[in-house]
Amino acid sequence: METFDLLVIGSGPGGQRAAIQAAKLGKRAAVIERREIVGGVTAHTGTIPSKTLREAVLYLCGWREKGIYGRSHRVKADITAGDLLERLHITVRHEIEIIQHQLSRNGVQVISGLAKFLDPHTVQVTNATGHTADYRAKAIVIATGTVPHRPGNIPFDDETIIDSDGLLQIKTIPRSMVVIGAGVIGVEYATIFSALDARITLIDSRDTILDFVDGDIVDEFKHDLQSRGIQLRLGEDVERVEKAPDGRVVTHLKSGKRICSDLLMAASGRMGATADLDLDKAGLAARRRLERAPGDRLLPDAAPRPGPPYREPRRPRAGMRTDPRRHRAARQRTAARPDACHRIRRLLLLGGGVRGDSGGGELAHRPPADDLERRDRKVPSAPAL
């Protein structure tokens, strides 16, 4: 049985940094990753893929230039799923190489396989071939990330009925799409595919979207979504989902409405990926998935701590005399920089302050040619107000 000072289950940002920090402190550390390559949810299905997909769509559809060249402007006329995934794979591969290099450079061992606890200090890892090996450590960090929550009333087939992770494996770009869940993930993918001219229907049981954002901002954002053609079905509950004989997806709402689409994506939140860890053998228990009740702004354990009271910034009163010592110190700091003296002179005559003695900004700007002859003149003191 191989022994380490620290074992980290999961190679996402949290696990990666924990292992590297332990290695820098002289400890023997290892990372256990269930995939064949490191990176975790962030590199494979989370932040990096979604933001790369967004940038690829914005570029290929010419979104940022439509205001200049018109709404019909596109960098590429026929955008396919292959065009989007090509850029996605390039970016993900680059990020994985960086993570692998950081782990190897710091001497962190990478173990591939599915981990589960045998006791609080022992982990058994089963690799892709079925071989098992036991590892022991003084401390074990659980950094497994999350997986999408799959509601029981939705029959997922990973083709036309998918979750947010399955969206990165689509074969074709849908002409119509239903998104269940108006949280961060659902709204993000809804806007991305709306830019590709897909008809989007956004469904949520709550009466608003992004309920952690200020209400005025949400109202303006909802108006912008509707102006793009996104249909908002708020305050609606999904009763069931089924596939029609022609392969399309039919979403039945409890209000009696039926929505047909080429693709359905459920973005009903995420939950910790701890189901296969056998946490009970380590004396741990995973909390059940928490859901917000109607009207709740934040979860109780996620409520922000009260910060210091807001204080208005101090402003100079009208007629306030400027301290001459401040101007004298500023002139001394810039004595070796005659090119800036004309700027200081103008500021002093206006009764204003002087910027810091930094390498850039106003003081580093070279004066016009007609002011160069005055750079060696003595700067007058500030006039009394």
Protein backbone atom coordinates (compact mmCIF):
# COMPACT_ATOMS: atom_id res chain seq x y z
CA MET A 1 0.00 0.00 0.00
CA GLU A 2 1.44 3.33 -1.09
CA THR A 3 1.41 6.10 1.51
CA PHE A 4 1.21 9.88 1.04
CA ASP A 5 1.07 12.90 3.24
CA LEU A 6 -1.92 14.24 1.29
CA LEU A 7 -4.38 12.63 -1.10
CA VAL A 8 -6.69 14.82 -3.15
CA ILE A 9 -9.77 13.32 -4.81
CA GLY A 10 -10.47 15.46 -7.86
CA SER A 11 -8.17 17.49 -10.09
CA GLY A 12 -10.25 20.63 -10.53
CA PRO A 13 -9.04 24.06 -9.40
CA GLY A 14 -9.53 23.29 -5.71
CA GLY A 15 -7.85 19.89 -5.76
CA GLN A 16 -5.05 21.06 -8.01
CA ARG A 17 -4.11 23.97 -5.77
CA ALA A 18 -4.35 21.91 -2.59
CA ALA A 19 -1.96 19.29 -3.94
CA ILE A 20 0.51 21.84 -5.33
CA GLN A 21 0.55 23.83 -2.09
CA ALA A 22 1.24 20.67 -0.08
CA ALA A 23 4.09 19.76 -2.47
CA LYS A 24 5.60 23.22 -2.08
CA LEU A 25 5.59 22.69 1.68
CA GLY A 26 7.66 19.54 1.22
CA LYS A 27 4.82 17.03 1.56
CA ARG A 28 4.26 13.98 -0.63
CA ALA A 29 0.98 14.61 -2.45
CA ALA A 30 -1.10 12.82 -5.08
CA VAL A 31 -4.24 13.62 -7.05
CA ILE A 32 -6.86 10.98 -7.88
CA GLU A 33 -8.88 11.73 -11.03
CA ARG A 34 -11.63 9.48 -12.39
CA ARG A 35 -11.01 10.67 -15.97
CA GLU A 36 -7.97 9.67 -17.97
CA ILE A 37 -6.88 13.31 -18.09
CA VAL A 38 -6.84 15.95 -15.37
CA GLY A 39 -8.83 19.15 -15.26
CA GLY A 40 -12.05 18.30 -13.46
CA VAL A 41 -15.43 19.84 -14.17
CA THR A 42 -13.99 23.30 -14.79
CA ALA A 43 -11.85 22.19 -17.73
CA HIS A 44 -14.13 19.54 -19.24
CA THR A 45 -17.78 20.55 -18.77
CA GLY A 46 -17.93 23.73 -16.72
CA THR A 47 -16.49 27.20 -16.86
CA ILE A 48 -13.88 26.91 -19.60
CA PRO A 49 -16.05 25.03 -22.14
CA SER A 50 -19.08 27.27 -21.64
CA LYS A 51 -17.10 30.50 -21.99
CA THR A 52 -15.24 29.13 -25.00
CA LEU A 53 -18.53 28.16 -26.61
CA ARG A 54 -19.88 31.63 -25.98
CA GLU A 55 -16.87 33.34 -27.55
CA ALA A 56 -16.96 31.01 -30.56
CA VAL A 57 -20.64 31.79 -31.16
CA LEU A 58 -20.16 35.54 -30.77
CA TYR A 59 -17.30 35.49 -33.27
CA LEU A 60 -18.81 33.20 -35.90
CA CYS A 61 -22.20 34.92 -35.91
CA GLY A 62 -20.58 38.36 -36.01
CA TRP A 63 -22.56 39.50 -32.99
CA ARG A 64 -20.25 42.37 -32.03
CA GLU A 65 -20.23 43.79 -35.58
CA LYS A 66 -23.96 43.56 -36.29
CA GLY A 67 -24.44 47.14 -35.18
CA ILE A 68 -22.09 48.25 -37.98
CA TYR A 69 -22.76 45.81 -40.81
CA GLY A 70 -26.39 44.95 -40.05
CA ARG A 71 -28.27 42.07 -38.46
CA SER A 72 -27.56 39.76 -41.39
CA HIS A 73 -23.78 40.01 -40.94
CA ARG A 74 -21.98 36.74 -40.12
CA VAL A 75 -18.38 35.63 -40.26
CA LYS A 76 -19.57 32.24 -41.50
CA ALA A 77 -22.88 31.67 -43.24
CA ASP A 78 -23.59 28.10 -42.14
CA ILE A 79 -22.39 27.52 -38.59
CA THR A 80 -22.28 23.86 -37.54
CA ALA A 81 -21.77 22.13 -34.22
CA GLY A 82 -18.37 21.00 -35.50
CA ASP A 83 -17.26 24.64 -35.86
CA LEU A 84 -18.10 25.30 -32.22
CA LEU A 85 -16.61 22.09 -30.84
CA GLU A 86 -13.40 22.51 -32.81
CA ARG A 87 -12.51 25.69 -30.97
CA LEU A 88 -13.76 24.17 -27.74
CA HIS A 89 -11.44 21.18 -27.98
CA ILE A 90 -8.44 23.38 -28.79
CA THR A 91 -9.00 25.52 -25.72
CA VAL A 92 -9.68 22.58 -23.39
CA ARG A 93 -6.59 20.73 -24.63
CA HIS A 94 -4.46 23.81 -23.97
CA GLU A 95 -5.79 24.18 -20.43
CA ILE A 96 -5.21 20.50 -19.69
CA GLU A 97 -1.60 20.79 -20.81
CA ILE A 98 -1.10 23.70 -18.42
CA ILE A 99 -2.57 21.74 -15.49
CA GLN A 100 -0.49 18.66 -16.28
CA HIS A 101 2.66 20.75 -16.45
CA GLN A 102 1.94 22.44 -13.11
CA LEU A 103 1.33 19.14 -11.36
CA SER A 104 4.42 17.43 -12.79
CA ARG A 105 6.64 20.46 -12.15
CA ASN A 106 5.71 20.40 -8.47
CA GLY A 107 6.14 16.64 -8.15
CA VAL A 108 2.46 15.79 -7.62
CA GLN A 109 1.60 12.23 -8.62
CA VAL A 110 -1.57 11.71 -10.68
CA ILE A 111 -3.61 8.51 -10.14
CA SER A 112 -6.37 7.71 -12.65
CA GLY A 113 -9.42 5.85 -11.46
CA LEU A 114 -12.57 5.93 -9.38
CA ALA A 115 -11.93 6.42 -5.67
CA LYS A 116 -13.89 5.26 -2.66
CA PHE A 117 -13.13 5.24 1.04
CA LEU A 118 -12.21 2.12 2.97
CA ASP A 119 -11.64 4.02 6.21
CA PRO A 120 -10.95 7.68 7.13
CA HIS A 121 -7.32 7.41 5.94
CA THR A 122 -7.47 4.74 3.21
CA VAL A 123 -8.82 5.05 -0.34
CA GLN A 124 -9.31 2.33 -2.93
CA VAL A 125 -8.92 3.33 -6.59
CA THR A 126 -10.33 1.31 -9.48
CA ASN A 127 -8.88 2.18 -12.89
CA ALA A 128 -10.44 1.75 -16.35
CA THR A 129 -9.22 -1.86 -16.67
CA GLY A 130 -10.80 -2.90 -13.36
CA HIS A 131 -7.54 -3.10 -11.42
CA THR A 132 -7.77 -1.86 -7.84
CA ALA A 133 -5.10 -0.35 -5.60
CA ASP A 134 -5.22 1.00 -2.06
CA TYR A 135 -3.63 4.27 -0.98
CA ARG A 136 -3.22 5.70 2.49
CA ALA A 137 -2.67 9.29 3.59
CA LYS A 138 -2.53 11.34 6.76
CA ALA A 139 -5.00 13.81 5.24
CA ILE A 140 -7.48 13.45 2.39
CA VAL A 141 -9.10 16.36 0.55
CA ILE A 142 -12.42 15.79 -1.25
CA ALA A 143 -12.58 18.09 -4.28
CA THR A 144 -14.79 16.09 -6.62
CA GLY A 145 -16.80 19.00 -7.99
CA THR A 146 -20.45 18.72 -9.01
CA VAL A 147 -22.73 16.95 -11.48
CA PRO A 148 -26.02 18.20 -12.98
CA HIS A 149 -29.20 17.39 -11.06
CA ARG A 150 -31.59 15.28 -13.15
CA PRO A 151 -35.28 15.62 -12.18
CA GLY A 152 -37.19 12.35 -12.10
CA ASN A 153 -39.97 13.53 -14.42
CA ILE A 154 -37.60 14.11 -17.35
CA PRO A 155 -36.53 11.02 -19.39
CA PHE A 156 -32.96 11.91 -20.35
CA ASP A 157 -31.60 10.19 -23.46
CA ASP A 158 -28.41 12.32 -23.89
CA GLU A 159 -29.39 13.10 -27.49
CA THR A 160 -32.43 15.37 -27.62
CA ILE A 161 -33.16 15.45 -23.87
CA ILE A 162 -29.95 16.42 -22.11
CA ASP A 163 -28.49 18.21 -19.13
CA SER A 164 -26.01 21.09 -19.17
CA ASP A 165 -23.01 18.74 -19.47
CA GLY A 166 -24.53 16.93 -22.45
CA LEU A 167 -24.92 20.19 -24.36
CA LEU A 168 -21.21 20.08 -25.17
CA GLN A 169 -21.70 16.81 -27.09
CA ILE A 170 -24.51 17.81 -29.46
CA LYS A 171 -24.25 16.70 -33.08
CA THR A 172 -26.27 19.49 -34.71
CA ILE A 173 -27.38 22.99 -33.76
CA PRO A 174 -31.11 22.91 -32.93
CA ARG A 175 -33.57 25.22 -34.62
CA SER A 176 -35.69 25.31 -31.46
CA MET A 177 -34.74 24.64 -27.86
CA VAL A 178 -36.44 24.45 -24.47
CA VAL A 179 -34.37 25.31 -21.40
CA ILE A 180 -35.74 24.26 -18.01
CA GLY A 181 -34.26 26.39 -15.25
CA ALA A 182 -33.61 30.15 -15.41
CA GLY A 183 -30.51 30.14 -13.28
CA VAL A 184 -27.02 31.14 -14.34
CA ILE A 185 -26.40 28.05 -16.50
CA GLY A 186 -29.82 28.03 -18.14
CA VAL A 187 -29.80 31.73 -19.01
CA GLU A 188 -26.24 31.55 -20.31
CA TYR A 189 -26.92 28.71 -22.75
CA ALA A 190 -30.26 30.23 -23.74
CA THR A 191 -28.58 33.46 -24.83
CA ILE A 192 -25.77 31.58 -26.59
CA PHE A 193 -28.13 29.58 -28.80
CA SER A 194 -30.38 32.57 -29.29
CA ALA A 195 -27.44 34.26 -31.00
CA LEU A 196 -27.47 31.33 -33.45
CA ASP A 197 -31.10 32.20 -34.36
CA ALA A 198 -32.59 29.25 -32.48
CA ARG A 199 -36.09 29.71 -31.04
CA ILE A 200 -35.61 29.55 -27.28
CA THR A 201 -38.21 28.94 -24.58
CA LEU A 202 -37.00 29.47 -21.02
CA ILE A 203 -39.09 27.77 -18.32
CA ASP A 204 -38.82 28.23 -14.56
CA SER A 205 -41.16 27.58 -11.65
CA ARG A 206 -40.16 30.88 -10.06
CA ASP A 207 -41.68 34.16 -11.19
CA THR A 208 -38.34 35.69 -12.10
CA ILE A 209 -34.90 34.82 -13.45
CA LEU A 210 -31.58 35.12 -11.67
CA ASP A 211 -33.30 35.89 -8.37
CA PHE A 212 -30.00 36.79 -6.69
CA VAL A 213 -29.62 39.83 -8.98
CA ASP A 214 -31.13 43.25 -8.30
CA GLY A 215 -34.74 43.44 -9.44
CA ASP A 216 -34.30 46.49 -11.67
CA ILE A 217 -31.41 44.85 -13.49
CA VAL A 218 -33.43 41.65 -13.95
CA ASP A 219 -36.38 43.59 -15.39
CA GLU A 220 -34.15 45.27 -17.94
CA PHE A 221 -32.48 41.97 -18.77
CA LYS A 222 -35.83 40.22 -19.23
CA HIS A 223 -36.87 42.95 -21.65
CA ASP A 224 -33.65 42.43 -23.60
CA LEU A 225 -34.20 38.65 -23.75
CA GLN A 226 -37.72 39.09 -25.04
CA SER A 227 -36.53 41.57 -27.67
CA ARG A 228 -34.24 38.82 -28.95
CA GLY A 229 -37.19 36.49 -29.36
CA ILE A 230 -36.65 34.37 -26.22
CA GLN A 231 -39.98 33.28 -24.74
CA LEU A 232 -40.11 33.36 -20.95
CA ARG A 233 -42.45 30.91 -19.23
CA LEU A 234 -42.03 31.95 -15.61
CA GLY A 235 -44.12 30.56 -12.78
CA GLU A 236 -44.67 27.37 -14.80
CA ASP A 237 -44.00 23.82 -13.59
CA VAL A 238 -43.06 20.97 -15.92
CA GLU A 239 -45.47 18.07 -15.59
CA ARG A 240 -43.79 15.62 -17.97
CA VAL A 241 -41.59 15.39 -21.05
CA GLU A 242 -42.01 12.96 -23.91
CA LYS A 243 -40.71 12.35 -27.41
CA ALA A 244 -43.02 12.63 -30.40
CA PRO A 245 -43.00 10.06 -33.24
CA ASP A 246 -41.08 12.52 -35.45
CA GLY A 247 -38.26 12.70 -32.87
CA ARG A 248 -39.13 16.11 -31.48
CA VAL A 249 -39.44 16.75 -27.76
CA VAL A 250 -42.82 17.71 -26.28
CA THR A 251 -42.81 19.48 -22.92
CA HIS A 252 -46.10 19.41 -20.99
CA LEU A 253 -46.62 22.12 -18.38
CA LYS A 254 -48.99 21.81 -15.45
CA SER A 255 -50.92 24.78 -16.79
CA GLY A 256 -51.89 22.69 -19.84
CA LYS A 257 -49.46 24.26 -22.30
CA ARG A 258 -47.47 22.06 -24.70
CA ILE A 259 -44.15 23.16 -26.16
CA CYS A 260 -42.50 21.30 -29.05
CA SER A 261 -38.77 21.68 -29.70
CA ASP A 262 -35.81 19.98 -31.35
CA LEU A 263 -33.81 19.92 -28.11
CA LEU A 264 -34.54 20.12 -24.39
CA MET A 265 -31.89 21.02 -21.85
CA ALA A 266 -32.52 20.77 -18.11
CA ALA A 267 -30.49 23.18 -15.99
CA SER A 268 -32.03 22.36 -12.61
CA GLY A 269 -28.96 23.05 -10.52
CA ARG A 270 -26.00 20.89 -9.59
CA MET A 271 -25.13 18.55 -6.74
CA GLY A 272 -21.91 17.23 -5.26
CA ALA A 273 -20.28 14.32 -7.09
CA THR A 274 -19.93 12.18 -3.95
CA ALA A 275 -22.31 9.29 -4.68
CA ASP A 276 -19.51 6.74 -5.34
CA LEU A 277 -17.14 7.76 -2.53
CA ASP A 278 -18.69 5.63 0.26
CA LEU A 279 -18.47 8.59 2.60
CA ASP A 280 -20.03 6.65 5.46
CA LYS A 281 -16.86 4.56 5.76
CA ALA A 282 -14.92 7.77 6.36
CA GLY A 283 -17.39 8.91 8.99
CA LEU A 284 -18.89 11.54 6.69
CA ALA A 285 -22.34 12.21 5.30
CA ALA A 286 -23.18 14.30 2.27
CA ARG A 287 -25.86 16.93 2.60
CA ARG A 288 -28.87 16.49 0.38
CA ARG A 289 -29.28 18.82 -2.56
CA LEU A 290 -30.54 22.17 -1.33
CA GLU A 291 -33.24 24.01 -3.24
CA ARG A 292 -34.52 27.49 -2.74
CA ALA A 293 -38.07 27.90 -1.56
CA PRO A 294 -40.30 30.36 -3.42
CA GLY A 295 -39.47 33.89 -2.31
CA ASP A 296 -36.11 33.00 -0.73
CA ARG A 297 -33.29 35.20 -1.96
CA LEU A 298 -30.38 33.15 -0.63
CA LEU A 299 -29.83 29.86 1.12
CA PRO A 300 -29.39 30.28 4.88
CA ASP A 301 -25.80 29.02 4.80
CA ALA A 302 -25.00 31.18 1.78
CA ALA A 303 -26.16 34.48 3.23
CA PRO A 304 -23.40 37.10 3.06
CA ARG A 305 -21.85 38.39 6.23
CA PRO A 306 -22.66 42.00 7.08
CA GLY A 307 -19.89 44.30 6.00
CA PRO A 308 -18.83 47.70 7.36
CA PRO A 309 -21.39 50.48 7.00
CA TYR A 310 -21.16 52.57 3.88
CA ARG A 311 -19.45 55.92 4.36
CA GLU A 312 -19.71 58.77 1.94
CA PRO A 313 -16.33 59.86 0.54
CA ARG A 314 -15.02 63.13 1.86
CA ARG A 315 -15.24 66.01 -0.55
CA PRO A 316 -13.42 69.34 -0.29
CA ARG A 317 -15.60 72.18 0.89
CA ALA A 318 -16.01 75.25 -1.23
CA GLY A 319 -13.37 77.82 -0.36
CA MET A 320 -11.12 75.28 1.40
CA ARG A 321 -7.45 76.33 1.36
CA THR A 322 -5.07 73.83 -0.16
CA ASP A 323 -2.21 72.72 2.05
CA PRO A 324 0.97 74.24 0.50
CA ARG A 325 3.10 71.45 1.97
CA ARG A 326 1.42 68.96 -0.35
CA HIS A 327 2.35 71.00 -3.39
CA ARG A 328 5.90 71.52 -2.12
CA ALA A 329 6.36 67.76 -1.67
CA ALA A 330 4.98 67.14 -5.13
CA ARG A 331 7.42 69.62 -6.67
CA GLN A 332 10.31 67.93 -4.88
CA ARG A 333 9.27 64.48 -6.13
CA THR A 334 9.13 65.70 -9.73
CA ALA A 335 12.19 67.98 -9.65
CA ALA A 336 14.09 65.46 -11.75
CA ARG A 337 11.26 65.33 -14.29
CA PRO A 338 11.05 68.80 -15.90
CA ASP A 339 8.70 67.56 -18.61
CA ALA A 340 5.96 67.26 -16.01
CA CYS A 341 6.35 70.68 -14.46
CA HIS A 342 3.97 72.41 -16.84
CA ARG A 343 1.28 69.93 -15.84
CA ILE A 344 1.82 70.59 -12.15
CA ARG A 345 1.73 74.33 -12.75
CA ARG A 346 -1.63 74.09 -14.46
CA LEU A 347 -3.04 71.96 -11.65
CA LEU A 348 -1.77 74.33 -8.97
CA LEU A 349 -3.21 77.37 -10.68
CA LEU A 350 -6.56 75.61 -10.65
CA GLY A 351 -6.19 74.79 -6.98
CA GLY A 352 -6.27 71.04 -7.61
CA GLY A 353 -4.14 68.24 -6.26
CA VAL A 354 -1.23 66.39 -7.89
CA ARG A 355 -1.20 62.73 -8.87
CA GLY A 356 1.17 60.28 -7.29
CA ASP A 357 4.78 59.86 -8.32
CA SER A 358 4.03 56.94 -10.64
CA GLY A 359 5.61 56.13 -13.95
CA GLY A 360 2.47 56.86 -15.98
CA GLY A 361 -0.58 59.07 -16.02
CA GLU A 362 -0.72 62.81 -16.48
CA LEU A 363 2.74 63.50 -15.06
CA ALA A 364 4.48 61.23 -17.53
CA HIS A 365 2.85 62.85 -20.59
CA ARG A 366 5.33 64.84 -22.67
CA PRO A 367 4.30 68.50 -23.17
CA PRO A 368 3.80 70.14 -26.56
CA ALA A 369 6.79 71.68 -28.28
CA ASP A 370 5.81 75.26 -27.38
CA ASP A 371 5.89 74.38 -23.67
CA LEU A 372 9.35 72.80 -23.66
CA GLU A 373 11.05 76.18 -23.32
CA ARG A 374 9.28 76.72 -19.98
CA ARG A 375 10.22 73.43 -18.37
CA ASP A 376 13.21 74.82 -16.46
CA ARG A 377 11.31 77.73 -15.03
CA LYS A 378 10.57 77.80 -11.33
CA VAL A 379 7.07 76.63 -10.53
CA PRO A 380 5.14 79.32 -8.63
CA SER A 381 3.49 78.49 -5.36
CA ALA A 382 -0.22 77.91 -5.18
CA PRO A 383 -2.31 81.07 -4.96
CA ALA A 384 -4.36 81.59 -1.86
CA LEU A 385 -8.10 81.17 -2.34
